[in-house]
Amino acid sequence: MEKSFTKKLNDIDIERRLLLSENCIKDFPRGHEAYLKFKDEDGQVWTFRCRVPPGGGSKPALSGDWFLFVRSKHLKVGDVIVIALDREKDQAAGEQFTIKVKKTTSTTRN
């Protein structure tokens, strides 16, 4: 069964780390830090560091290859990402997460 969540990127997501909502914390491995593999639409696998700060209610944050991903995909504030978790895929293979980008289109014309 696949579960997904969507996030519209803000300046912190682009410049520092991708902050995820508190309610998606259960979708990530337990513990304070893990390296998770995400496959994008082109089939490239990215390794994001997922850090869950100690304490209840803390938001998980992705970093590591996240910044390479941002630059590679030319992401900007307002773009949307969709992260999906497929619990039926083999977790040992590390491909249970997928990430898709929905670029915003500029309405400004020169």
PDB file of N, CA and C in Angstrom:
ATOM      1  N   MET A   1       0.843  -1.188   0.000  1.00  0.00           N
ATOM      2  CA  MET A   1       0.000   0.000   0.000  1.00  0.00           C
ATOM      3  C   MET A   1       0.879   1.238   0.000  1.00  0.00           C
ATOM      4  N   GLU A   2       0.580   2.166  -0.863  1.00  0.00           N
ATOM      5  CA  GLU A   2       1.376   3.381  -0.968  1.00  0.00           C
ATOM      6  C   GLU A   2       0.723   4.505  -0.183  1.00  0.00           C
ATOM      7  N   LYS A   3       1.554   5.257   0.513  1.00  0.00           N
ATOM      8  CA  LYS A   3       1.095   6.425   1.251  1.00  0.00           C
ATOM      9  C   LYS A   3       1.958   7.589   0.794  1.00  0.00           C
ATOM     10  N   SER A   4       1.346   8.742   0.557  1.00  0.00           N
ATOM     11  CA  SER A   4       2.130   9.879   0.080  1.00  0.00           C
ATOM     12  C   SER A   4       1.747  11.161   0.816  1.00  0.00           C
ATOM     13  N   PHE A   5       2.662  12.116   0.759  1.00  0.00           N
ATOM     14  CA  PHE A   5       2.359  13.444   1.275  1.00  0.00           C
ATOM     15  C   PHE A   5       3.013  14.470   0.364  1.00  0.00           C
ATOM     16  N   THR A   6       2.419  15.636   0.357  1.00  0.00           N
ATOM     17  CA  THR A   6       2.802  16.705  -0.548  1.00  0.00           C
ATOM     18  C   THR A   6       3.242  17.911   0.259  1.00  0.00           C
ATOM     19  N   LYS A   7       4.239  18.618  -0.256  1.00  0.00           N
ATOM     20  CA  LYS A   7       4.697  19.836   0.424  1.00  0.00           C
ATOM     21  C   LYS A   7       5.071  20.898  -0.587  1.00  0.00           C
ATOM     22  N   LYS A   8       4.560  22.096  -0.349  1.00  0.00           N
ATOM     23  CA  LYS A   8       4.952  23.267  -1.132  1.00  0.00           C
ATOM     24  C   LYS A   8       6.213  23.825  -0.478  1.00  0.00           C
ATOM     25  N   LEU A   9       7.276  23.967  -1.257  1.00  0.00           N
ATOM     26  CA  LEU A   9       8.567  24.352  -0.708  1.00  0.00           C
ATOM     27  C   LEU A   9       8.616  25.823  -0.320  1.00  0.00           C
ATOM     28  N   ASN A  10       9.266  26.085   0.809  1.00  0.00           N
ATOM     29  CA  ASN A  10       9.484  27.460   1.254  1.00  0.00           C
ATOM     30  C   ASN A  10      10.989  27.734   1.293  1.00  0.00           C
ATOM     31  N   ASP A  11      11.383  28.934   1.710  1.00  0.00           N
ATOM     32  CA  ASP A  11      12.798  29.300   1.670  1.00  0.00           C
ATOM     33  C   ASP A  11      13.652  28.429   2.585  1.00  0.00           C
ATOM     34  N   ILE A  12      13.153  28.003   3.716  1.00  0.00           N
ATOM     35  CA  ILE A  12      13.925  27.116   4.600  1.00  0.00           C
ATOM     36  C   ILE A  12      14.161  25.775   3.913  1.00  0.00           C
ATOM     37  N   ASP A  13      13.147  25.258   3.233  1.00  0.00           N
ATOM     38  CA  ASP A  13      13.284  23.989   2.520  1.00  0.00           C
ATOM     39  C   ASP A  13      14.357  24.066   1.442  1.00  0.00           C
ATOM     40  N   ILE A  14      14.459  25.192   0.774  1.00  0.00           N
ATOM     41  CA  ILE A  14      15.411  25.366  -0.322  1.00  0.00           C
ATOM     42  C   ILE A  14      16.819  25.649   0.201  1.00  0.00           C
ATOM     43  N   GLU A  15      16.940  26.447   1.262  1.00  0.00           N
ATOM     44  CA  GLU A  15      18.237  26.925   1.723  1.00  0.00           C
ATOM     45  C   GLU A  15      18.852  26.124   2.867  1.00  0.00           C
ATOM     46  N   ARG A  16      18.035  25.487   3.717  1.00  0.00           N
ATOM     47  CA  ARG A  16      18.589  24.832   4.902  1.00  0.00           C
ATOM     48  C   ARG A  16      18.343  23.336   4.936  1.00  0.00           C
ATOM     49  N   ARG A  17      17.078  22.939   4.949  1.00  0.00           N
ATOM     50  CA  ARG A  17      16.684  21.534   5.051  1.00  0.00           C
ATOM     51  C   ARG A  17      15.209  21.432   4.722  1.00  0.00           C
ATOM     52  N   LEU A  18      14.785  20.264   4.327  1.00  0.00           N
ATOM     53  CA  LEU A  18      13.376  20.049   4.045  1.00  0.00           C
ATOM     54  C   LEU A  18      12.688  19.636   5.338  1.00  0.00           C
ATOM     55  N   LEU A  19      11.831  20.500   5.843  1.00  0.00           N
ATOM     56  CA  LEU A  19      11.071  20.182   7.049  1.00  0.00           C
ATOM     57  C   LEU A  19       9.780  19.500   6.650  1.00  0.00           C
ATOM     58  N   LEU A  20       9.518  18.366   7.281  1.00  0.00           N
ATOM     59  CA  LEU A  20       8.312  17.605   7.010  1.00  0.00           C
ATOM     60  C   LEU A  20       7.318  17.802   8.141  1.00  0.00           C
ATOM     61  N   SER A  21       6.078  17.489   7.900  1.00  0.00           N
ATOM     62  CA  SER A  21       5.062  17.673   8.934  1.00  0.00           C
ATOM     63  C   SER A  21       5.229  16.633  10.039  1.00  0.00           C
ATOM     64  N   GLU A  22       4.774  16.989  11.224  1.00  0.00           N
ATOM     65  CA  GLU A  22       4.890  16.099  12.379  1.00  0.00           C
ATOM     66  C   GLU A  22       4.148  14.789  12.160  1.00  0.00           C
ATOM     67  N   ASN A  23       3.017  14.823  11.466  1.00  0.00           N
ATOM     68  CA  ASN A  23       2.218  13.603  11.317  1.00  0.00           C
ATOM     69  C   ASN A  23       2.831  12.596  10.348  1.00  0.00           C
ATOM     70  N   CYS A  24       3.860  12.964   9.613  1.00  0.00           N
ATOM     71  CA  CYS A  24       4.497  11.995   8.716  1.00  0.00           C
ATOM     72  C   CYS A  24       5.668  11.299   9.401  1.00  0.00           C
ATOM     73  N   ILE A  25       5.945  11.654  10.630  1.00  0.00           N
ATOM     74  CA  ILE A  25       7.078  11.074  11.350  1.00  0.00           C
ATOM     75  C   ILE A  25       6.969   9.554  11.458  1.00  0.00           C
ATOM     76  N   LYS A  26       5.766   9.031  11.527  1.00  0.00           N
ATOM     77  CA  LYS A  26       5.570   7.585  11.652  1.00  0.00           C
ATOM     78  C   LYS A  26       5.972   6.846  10.390  1.00  0.00           C
ATOM     79  N   ASP A  27       6.109   7.555   9.273  1.00  0.00           N
ATOM     80  CA  ASP A  27       6.477   6.930   8.013  1.00  0.00           C
ATOM     81  C   ASP A  27       7.978   6.698   7.881  1.00  0.00           C
ATOM     82  N   PHE A  28       8.747   7.243   8.776  1.00  0.00           N
ATOM     83  CA  PHE A  28      10.190   7.111   8.716  1.00  0.00           C
ATOM     84  C   PHE A  28      10.669   6.180   9.817  1.00  0.00           C
ATOM     85  N   PRO A  29      11.818   5.541   9.610  1.00  0.00           N
ATOM     86  CA  PRO A  29      12.331   4.631  10.627  1.00  0.00           C
ATOM     87  C   PRO A  29      12.484   5.338  11.967  1.00  0.00           C
ATOM     88  N   ARG A  30      12.251   4.612  13.028  1.00  0.00           N
ATOM     89  CA  ARG A  30      12.385   5.162  14.374  1.00  0.00           C
ATOM     90  C   ARG A  30      13.848   5.458  14.675  1.00  0.00           C
ATOM     91  N   GLY A  31      14.077   6.379  15.579  1.00  0.00           N
ATOM     92  CA  GLY A  31      15.428   6.777  15.924  1.00  0.00           C
ATOM     93  C   GLY A  31      15.620   8.237  15.581  1.00  0.00           C
ATOM     94  N   HIS A  32      16.755   8.746  15.947  1.00  0.00           N
ATOM     95  CA  HIS A  32      17.003  10.172  15.762  1.00  0.00           C
ATOM     96  C   HIS A  32      17.565  10.524  14.390  1.00  0.00           C
ATOM     97  N   GLU A  33      18.201   9.551  13.715  1.00  0.00           N
ATOM     98  CA  GLU A  33      18.805   9.839  12.418  1.00  0.00           C
ATOM     99  C   GLU A  33      18.859   8.575  11.574  1.00  0.00           C
ATOM    100  N   ALA A  34      18.587   8.733  10.291  1.00  0.00           N
ATOM    101  CA  ALA A  34      18.676   7.610   9.363  1.00  0.00           C
ATOM    102  C   ALA A  34      19.006   8.154   7.979  1.00  0.00           C
ATOM    103  N   TYR A  35      19.620   7.329   7.155  1.00  0.00           N
ATOM    104  CA  TYR A  35      19.890   7.685   5.771  1.00  0.00           C
ATOM    105  C   TYR A  35      18.902   6.902   4.906  1.00  0.00           C
ATOM    106  N   LEU A  36      18.057   7.636   4.196  1.00  0.00           N
ATOM    107  CA  LEU A  36      16.981   7.032   3.419  1.00  0.00           C
ATOM    108  C   LEU A  36      17.203   7.274   1.936  1.00  0.00           C
ATOM    109  N   LYS A  37      16.857   6.287   1.138  1.00  0.00           N
ATOM    110  CA  LYS A  37      17.017   6.399  -0.312  1.00  0.00           C
ATOM    111  C   LYS A  37      15.672   6.723  -0.957  1.00  0.00           C
ATOM    112  N   PHE A  38      15.718   7.711  -1.848  1.00  0.00           N
ATOM    113  CA  PHE A  38      14.534   8.172  -2.570  1.00  0.00           C
ATOM    114  C   PHE A  38      14.826   8.060  -4.062  1.00  0.00           C
ATOM    115  N   LYS A  39      13.894   7.499  -4.803  1.00  0.00           N
ATOM    116  CA  LYS A  39      14.050   7.405  -6.251  1.00  0.00           C
ATOM    117  C   LYS A  39      13.200   8.483  -6.902  1.00  0.00           C
ATOM    118  N   ASP A  40      13.818   9.268  -7.796  1.00  0.00           N
ATOM    119  CA  ASP A  40      13.069  10.329  -8.473  1.00  0.00           C
ATOM    120  C   ASP A  40      12.438   9.807  -9.761  1.00  0.00           C
ATOM    121  N   GLU A  41      11.759  10.702 -10.477  1.00  0.00           N
ATOM    122  CA  GLU A  41      11.038  10.324 -11.699  1.00  0.00           C
ATOM    123  C   GLU A  41      11.953   9.829 -12.814  1.00  0.00           C
ATOM    124  N   ASP A  42      13.242  10.219 -12.738  1.00  0.00           N
ATOM    125  CA  ASP A  42      14.205   9.803 -13.753  1.00  0.00           C
ATOM    126  C   ASP A  42      14.898   8.494 -13.388  1.00  0.00           C
ATOM    127  N   GLY A  43      14.552   7.939 -12.238  1.00  0.00           N
ATOM    128  CA  GLY A  43      15.163   6.694 -11.795  1.00  0.00           C
ATOM    129  C   GLY A  43      16.430   6.876 -10.987  1.00  0.00           C
ATOM    130  N   GLN A  44      16.848   8.128 -10.781  1.00  0.00           N
ATOM    131  CA  GLN A  44      18.049   8.392  -9.984  1.00  0.00           C
ATOM    132  C   GLN A  44      17.721   8.218  -8.503  1.00  0.00           C
ATOM    133  N   VAL A  45      18.644   7.596  -7.772  1.00  0.00           N
ATOM    134  CA  VAL A  45      18.452   7.378  -6.346  1.00  0.00           C
ATOM    135  C   VAL A  45      19.262   8.419  -5.572  1.00  0.00           C
ATOM    136  N   TRP A  46      18.602   9.067  -4.635  1.00  0.00           N
ATOM    137  CA  TRP A  46      19.195  10.097  -3.787  1.00  0.00           C
ATOM    138  C   TRP A  46      19.190   9.598  -2.349  1.00  0.00           C
ATOM    139  N   THR A  47      20.244   9.907  -1.603  1.00  0.00           N
ATOM    140  CA  THR A  47      20.306   9.533  -0.194  1.00  0.00           C
ATOM    141  C   THR A  47      20.122  10.792   0.645  1.00  0.00           C
ATOM    142  N   PHE A  48      19.011  10.856   1.344  1.00  0.00           N
ATOM    143  CA  PHE A  48      18.714  12.006   2.200  1.00  0.00           C
ATOM    144  C   PHE A  48      18.908  11.589   3.653  1.00  0.00           C
ATOM    145  N   ARG A  49      19.511  12.462   4.405  1.00  0.00           N
ATOM    146  CA  ARG A  49      19.655  12.244   5.843  1.00  0.00           C
ATOM    147  C   ARG A  49      18.364  12.704   6.501  1.00  0.00           C
ATOM    148  N   CYS A  50      17.717  11.805   7.210  1.00  0.00           N
ATOM    149  CA  CYS A  50      16.494  12.153   7.934  1.00  0.00           C
ATOM    150  C   CYS A  50      16.841  12.258   9.406  1.00  0.00           C
ATOM    151  N   ARG A  51      16.672  13.432   9.951  1.00  0.00           N
ATOM    152  CA  ARG A  51      16.955  13.657  11.368  1.00  0.00           C
ATOM    153  C   ARG A  51      15.662  14.002  12.060  1.00  0.00           C
ATOM    154  N   VAL A  52      15.389  13.278  13.132  1.00  0.00           N
ATOM    155  CA  VAL A  52      14.218  13.549  13.958  1.00  0.00           C
ATOM    156  C   VAL A  52      14.748  14.006  15.313  1.00  0.00           C
ATOM    157  N   PRO A  53      14.640  15.298  15.604  1.00  0.00           N
ATOM    158  CA  PRO A  53      15.159  15.801  16.877  1.00  0.00           C
ATOM    159  C   PRO A  53      14.503  15.103  18.062  1.00  0.00           C
ATOM    160  N   PRO A  54      15.239  14.979  19.163  1.00  0.00           N
ATOM    161  CA  PRO A  54      14.661  14.349  20.346  1.00  0.00           C
ATOM    162  C   PRO A  54      13.449  15.122  20.859  1.00  0.00           C
ATOM    163  N   GLY A  55      12.563  14.418  21.495  1.00  0.00           N
ATOM    164  CA  GLY A  55      11.371  15.057  22.066  1.00  0.00           C
ATOM    165  C   GLY A  55      10.149  14.828  21.213  1.00  0.00           C
ATOM    166  N   GLY A  56       9.026  14.772  21.857  1.00  0.00           N
ATOM    167  CA  GLY A  56       7.763  14.579  21.152  1.00  0.00           C
ATOM    168  C   GLY A  56       7.386  15.794  20.336  1.00  0.00           C
ATOM    169  N   GLY A  57       6.729  15.550  19.230  1.00  0.00           N
ATOM    170  CA  GLY A  57       6.225  16.633  18.396  1.00  0.00           C
ATOM    171  C   GLY A  57       7.263  17.291  17.510  1.00  0.00           C
ATOM    172  N   SER A  58       8.489  16.751  17.492  1.00  0.00           N
ATOM    173  CA  SER A  58       9.535  17.338  16.660  1.00  0.00           C
ATOM    174  C   SER A  58       9.308  16.967  15.197  1.00  0.00           C
ATOM    175  N   LYS A  59       9.601  17.911  14.329  1.00  0.00           N
ATOM    176  CA  LYS A  59       9.428  17.683  12.895  1.00  0.00           C
ATOM    177  C   LYS A  59      10.668  17.020  12.315  1.00  0.00           C
ATOM    178  N   PRO A  60      10.482  15.977  11.508  1.00  0.00           N
ATOM    179  CA  PRO A  60      11.636  15.385  10.836  1.00  0.00           C
ATOM    180  C   PRO A  60      12.153  16.343   9.761  1.00  0.00           C
ATOM    181  N   ALA A  61      13.467  16.298   9.538  1.00  0.00           N
ATOM    182  CA  ALA A  61      14.089  17.159   8.544  1.00  0.00           C
ATOM    183  C   ALA A  61      14.990  16.331   7.648  1.00  0.00           C
ATOM    184  N   LEU A  62      14.975  16.621   6.352  1.00  0.00           N
ATOM    185  CA  LEU A  62      15.833  15.951   5.387  1.00  0.00           C
ATOM    186  C   LEU A  62      16.956  16.881   4.979  1.00  0.00           C
ATOM    187  N   SER A  63      18.177  16.338   4.931  1.00  0.00           N
ATOM    188  CA  SER A  63      19.332  17.105   4.469  1.00  0.00           C
ATOM    189  C   SER A  63      20.210  16.148   3.657  1.00  0.00           C
ATOM    190  N   GLY A  64      21.516  16.283   3.731  1.00  0.00           N
ATOM    191  CA  GLY A  64      22.397  15.408   2.946  1.00  0.00           C
ATOM    192  C   GLY A  64      22.262  15.721   1.468  1.00  0.00           C
ATOM    193  N   ASP A  65      21.960  14.709   0.653  1.00  0.00           N
ATOM    194  CA  ASP A  65      21.804  14.907  -0.799  1.00  0.00           C
ATOM    195  C   ASP A  65      20.620  15.813  -1.147  1.00  0.00           C
ATOM    196  N   TRP A  66      19.845  16.206  -0.164  1.00  0.00           N
ATOM    197  CA  TRP A  66      18.701  17.084  -0.427  1.00  0.00           C
ATOM    198  C   TRP A  66      19.153  18.326  -1.192  1.00  0.00           C
ATOM    199  N   PHE A  67      20.296  18.904  -0.794  1.00  0.00           N
ATOM    200  CA  PHE A  67      20.763  20.129  -1.442  1.00  0.00           C
ATOM    201  C   PHE A  67      21.205  19.869  -2.878  1.00  0.00           C
ATOM    202  N   LEU A  68      21.807  18.723  -3.133  1.00  0.00           N
ATOM    203  CA  LEU A  68      22.147  18.350  -4.515  1.00  0.00           C
ATOM    204  C   LEU A  68      20.882  18.163  -5.341  1.00  0.00           C
ATOM    205  N   PHE A  69      19.867  17.560  -4.721  1.00  0.00           N
ATOM    206  CA  PHE A  69      18.577  17.358  -5.380  1.00  0.00           C
ATOM    207  C   PHE A  69      17.951  18.708  -5.747  1.00  0.00           C
ATOM    208  N   VAL A  70      17.960  19.652  -4.803  1.00  0.00           N
ATOM    209  CA  VAL A  70      17.399  20.995  -5.039  1.00  0.00           C
ATOM    210  C   VAL A  70      18.089  21.650  -6.227  1.00  0.00           C
ATOM    211  N   ARG A  71      19.425  21.610  -6.252  1.00  0.00           N
ATOM    212  CA  ARG A  71      20.164  22.241  -7.349  1.00  0.00           C
ATOM    213  C   ARG A  71      19.946  21.504  -8.667  1.00  0.00           C
ATOM    214  N   SER A  72      19.970  20.192  -8.624  1.00  0.00           N
ATOM    215  CA  SER A  72      19.805  19.395  -9.832  1.00  0.00           C
ATOM    216  C   SER A  72      18.448  19.618 -10.489  1.00  0.00           C
ATOM    217  N   LYS A  73      17.416  19.754  -9.669  1.00  0.00           N
ATOM    218  CA  LYS A  73      16.051  19.930 -10.176  1.00  0.00           C
ATOM    219  C   LYS A  73      15.669  21.401 -10.336  1.00  0.00           C
ATOM    220  N   HIS A  74      16.600  22.295 -10.011  1.00  0.00           N
ATOM    221  CA  HIS A  74      16.365  23.744 -10.109  1.00  0.00           C
ATOM    222  C   HIS A  74      15.110  24.148  -9.325  1.00  0.00           C
ATOM    223  N   LEU A  75      15.000  23.627  -8.105  1.00  0.00           N
ATOM    224  CA  LEU A  75      13.824  23.916  -7.288  1.00  0.00           C
ATOM    225  C   LEU A  75      13.871  25.328  -6.738  1.00  0.00           C
ATOM    226  N   LYS A  76      12.687  25.884  -6.567  1.00  0.00           N
ATOM    227  CA  LYS A  76      12.564  27.224  -5.999  1.00  0.00           C
ATOM    228  C   LYS A  76      11.349  27.259  -5.081  1.00  0.00           C
ATOM    229  N   VAL A  77      11.275  28.324  -4.315  1.00  0.00           N
ATOM    230  CA  VAL A  77      10.149  28.510  -3.408  1.00  0.00           C
ATOM    231  C   VAL A  77       8.853  28.440  -4.217  1.00  0.00           C
ATOM    232  N   GLY A  78       7.894  27.680  -3.716  1.00  0.00           N
ATOM    233  CA  GLY A  78       6.610  27.533  -4.392  1.00  0.00           C
ATOM    234  C   GLY A  78       6.466  26.235  -5.161  1.00  0.00           C
ATOM    235  N   ASP A  79       7.610  25.616  -5.530  1.00  0.00           N
ATOM    236  CA  ASP A  79       7.533  24.308  -6.174  1.00  0.00           C
ATOM    237  C   ASP A  79       6.973  23.310  -5.172  1.00  0.00           C
ATOM    238  N   VAL A  80       6.428  22.226  -5.682  1.00  0.00           N
ATOM    239  CA  VAL A  80       5.794  21.222  -4.826  1.00  0.00           C
ATOM    240  C   VAL A  80       6.500  19.888  -5.025  1.00  0.00           C
ATOM    241  N   ILE A  81       6.717  19.177  -3.918  1.00  0.00           N
ATOM    242  CA  ILE A  81       7.243  17.822  -4.010  1.00  0.00           C
ATOM    243  C   ILE A  81       6.203  16.850  -3.451  1.00  0.00           C
ATOM    244  N   VAL A  82       6.231  15.647  -3.983  1.00  0.00           N
ATOM    245  CA  VAL A  82       5.368  14.580  -3.494  1.00  0.00           C
ATOM    246  C   VAL A  82       6.276  13.417  -3.122  1.00  0.00           C
ATOM    247  N   ILE A  83       6.243  13.029  -1.856  1.00  0.00           N
ATOM    248  CA  ILE A  83       7.023  11.897  -1.379  1.00  0.00           C
ATOM    249  C   ILE A  83       6.052  10.766  -1.106  1.00  0.00           C
ATOM    250  N   ALA A  84       6.369   9.600  -1.640  1.00  0.00           N
ATOM    251  CA  ALA A  84       5.505   8.435  -1.454  1.00  0.00           C
ATOM    252  C   ALA A  84       6.284   7.322  -0.778  1.00  0.00           C
ATOM    253  N   LEU A  85       5.598   6.610   0.073  1.00  0.00           N
ATOM    254  CA  LEU A  85       6.140   5.454   0.770  1.00  0.00           C
ATOM    255  C   LEU A  85       5.306   4.247   0.376  1.00  0.00           C
ATOM    256  N   ASP A  86       5.964   3.239  -0.168  1.00  0.00           N
ATOM    257  CA  ASP A  86       5.271   2.014  -0.526  1.00  0.00           C
ATOM    258  C   ASP A  86       5.713   0.922   0.433  1.00  0.00           C
ATOM    259  N   ARG A  87       4.862   0.598   1.380  1.00  0.00           N
ATOM    260  CA  ARG A  87       5.197  -0.382   2.423  1.00  0.00           C
ATOM    261  C   ARG A  87       5.342  -1.791   1.870  1.00  0.00           C
ATOM    262  N   GLU A  88       4.840  -2.057   0.674  1.00  0.00           N
ATOM    263  CA  GLU A  88       4.919  -3.393   0.114  1.00  0.00           C
ATOM    264  C   GLU A  88       6.236  -3.653  -0.609  1.00  0.00           C
ATOM    265  N   LYS A  89       6.987  -2.603  -0.916  1.00  0.00           N
ATOM    266  CA  LYS A  89       8.274  -2.787  -1.574  1.00  0.00           C
ATOM    267  C   LYS A  89       9.288  -3.301  -0.565  1.00  0.00           C
ATOM    268  N   ASP A  90      10.300  -3.953  -1.065  1.00  0.00           N
ATOM    269  CA  ASP A  90      11.342  -4.517  -0.216  1.00  0.00           C
ATOM    270  C   ASP A  90      12.154  -3.387   0.406  1.00  0.00           C
ATOM    271  N   GLN A  91      12.053  -3.226   1.703  1.00  0.00           N
ATOM    272  CA  GLN A  91      12.772  -2.158   2.384  1.00  0.00           C
ATOM    273  C   GLN A  91      14.279  -2.375   2.325  1.00  0.00           C
ATOM    274  N   ALA A  92      14.729  -3.622   2.257  1.00  0.00           N
ATOM    275  CA  ALA A  92      16.157  -3.902   2.174  1.00  0.00           C
ATOM    276  C   ALA A  92      16.742  -3.349   0.879  1.00  0.00           C
ATOM    277  N   ALA A  93      15.929  -3.273  -0.175  1.00  0.00           N
ATOM    278  CA  ALA A  93      16.390  -2.730  -1.454  1.00  0.00           C
ATOM    279  C   ALA A  93      16.532  -1.213  -1.379  1.00  0.00           C
ATOM    280  N   GLY A  94      15.925  -0.577  -0.390  1.00  0.00           N
ATOM    281  CA  GLY A  94      16.058   0.861  -0.198  1.00  0.00           C
ATOM    282  C   GLY A  94      15.293   1.708  -1.181  1.00  0.00           C
ATOM    283  N   GLU A  95      14.334   1.137  -1.857  1.00  0.00           N
ATOM    284  CA  GLU A  95      13.600   1.905  -2.859  1.00  0.00           C
ATOM    285  C   GLU A  95      12.133   2.070  -2.487  1.00  0.00           C
ATOM    286  N   GLN A  96      11.848   2.059  -1.202  1.00  0.00           N
ATOM    287  CA  GLN A  96      10.455   2.192  -0.811  1.00  0.00           C
ATOM    288  C   GLN A  96       9.975   3.638  -0.848  1.00  0.00           C
ATOM    289  N   PHE A  97      10.882   4.610  -0.999  1.00  0.00           N
ATOM    290  CA  PHE A  97      10.492   6.013  -1.087  1.00  0.00           C
ATOM    291  C   PHE A  97      10.666   6.516  -2.515  1.00  0.00           C
ATOM    292  N   THR A  98       9.702   7.286  -2.982  1.00  0.00           N
ATOM    293  CA  THR A  98       9.847   7.968  -4.261  1.00  0.00           C
ATOM    294  C   THR A  98       9.606   9.455  -4.034  1.00  0.00           C
ATOM    295  N   ILE A  99      10.199  10.266  -4.894  1.00  0.00           N
ATOM    296  CA  ILE A  99      10.010  11.711  -4.786  1.00  0.00           C
ATOM    297  C   ILE A  99       9.742  12.266  -6.173  1.00  0.00           C
ATOM    298  N   LYS A 100       8.712  13.083  -6.272  1.00  0.00           N
ATOM    299  CA  LYS A 100       8.332  13.712  -7.540  1.00  0.00           C
ATOM    300  C   LYS A 100       8.278  15.218  -7.333  1.00  0.00           C
ATOM    301  N   VAL A 101       8.573  15.938  -8.400  1.00  0.00           N
ATOM    302  CA  VAL A 101       8.580  17.394  -8.366  1.00  0.00           C
ATOM    303  C   VAL A 101       7.478  17.925  -9.255  1.00  0.00           C
ATOM    304  N   LYS A 102       6.752  18.905  -8.736  1.00  0.00           N
ATOM    305  CA  LYS A 102       5.764  19.636  -9.521  1.00  0.00           C
ATOM    306  C   LYS A 102       6.209  21.087  -9.525  1.00  0.00           C
ATOM    307  N   LYS A 103       6.773  21.513 -10.637  1.00  0.00           N
ATOM    308  CA  LYS A 103       7.305  22.873 -10.743  1.00  0.00           C
ATOM    309  C   LYS A 103       6.168  23.876 -10.894  1.00  0.00           C
ATOM    310  N   THR A 104       6.362  25.021 -10.254  1.00  0.00           N
ATOM    311  CA  THR A 104       5.410  26.102 -10.450  1.00  0.00           C
ATOM    312  C   THR A 104       5.780  26.819 -11.739  1.00  0.00           C
ATOM    313  N   THR A 105       4.799  27.362 -12.400  1.00  0.00           N
ATOM    314  CA  THR A 105       5.071  28.084 -13.639  1.00  0.00           C
ATOM    315  C   THR A 105       4.952  29.568 -13.375  1.00  0.00           C
ATOM    316  N   SER A 106       5.870  30.295 -13.917  1.00  0.00           N
ATOM    317  CA  SER A 106       5.870  31.748 -13.742  1.00  0.00           C
ATOM    318  C   SER A 106       4.829  32.368 -14.672  1.00  0.00           C
ATOM    319  N   THR A 107       4.072  33.308 -14.143  1.00  0.00           N
ATOM    320  CA  THR A 107       3.071  33.996 -14.972  1.00  0.00           C
ATOM    321  C   THR A 107       3.595  35.318 -15.487  1.00  0.00           C
ATOM    322  N   THR A 108       4.854  35.657 -15.127  1.00  0.00           N
ATOM    323  CA  THR A 108       5.444  36.914 -15.566  1.00  0.00           C
ATOM    324  C   THR A 108       5.979  36.754 -16.978  1.00  0.00           C
ATOM    325  N   ARG A 109       5.658  37.683 -17.839  1.00  0.00           N
ATOM    326  CA  ARG A 109       6.141  37.664 -19.222  1.00  0.00           C
ATOM    327  C   ARG A 109       6.914  38.949 -19.493  1.00  0.00           C
ATOM    328  N   ASN A 110       7.993  38.827 -20.284  1.00  0.00           N
ATOM    329  CA  ASN A 110       8.797  40.005 -20.640  1.00  0.00           C
ATOM    330  C   ASN A 110       8.349  40.560 -21.956  1.00  0.00           C
TER     331      ASN A 110
END
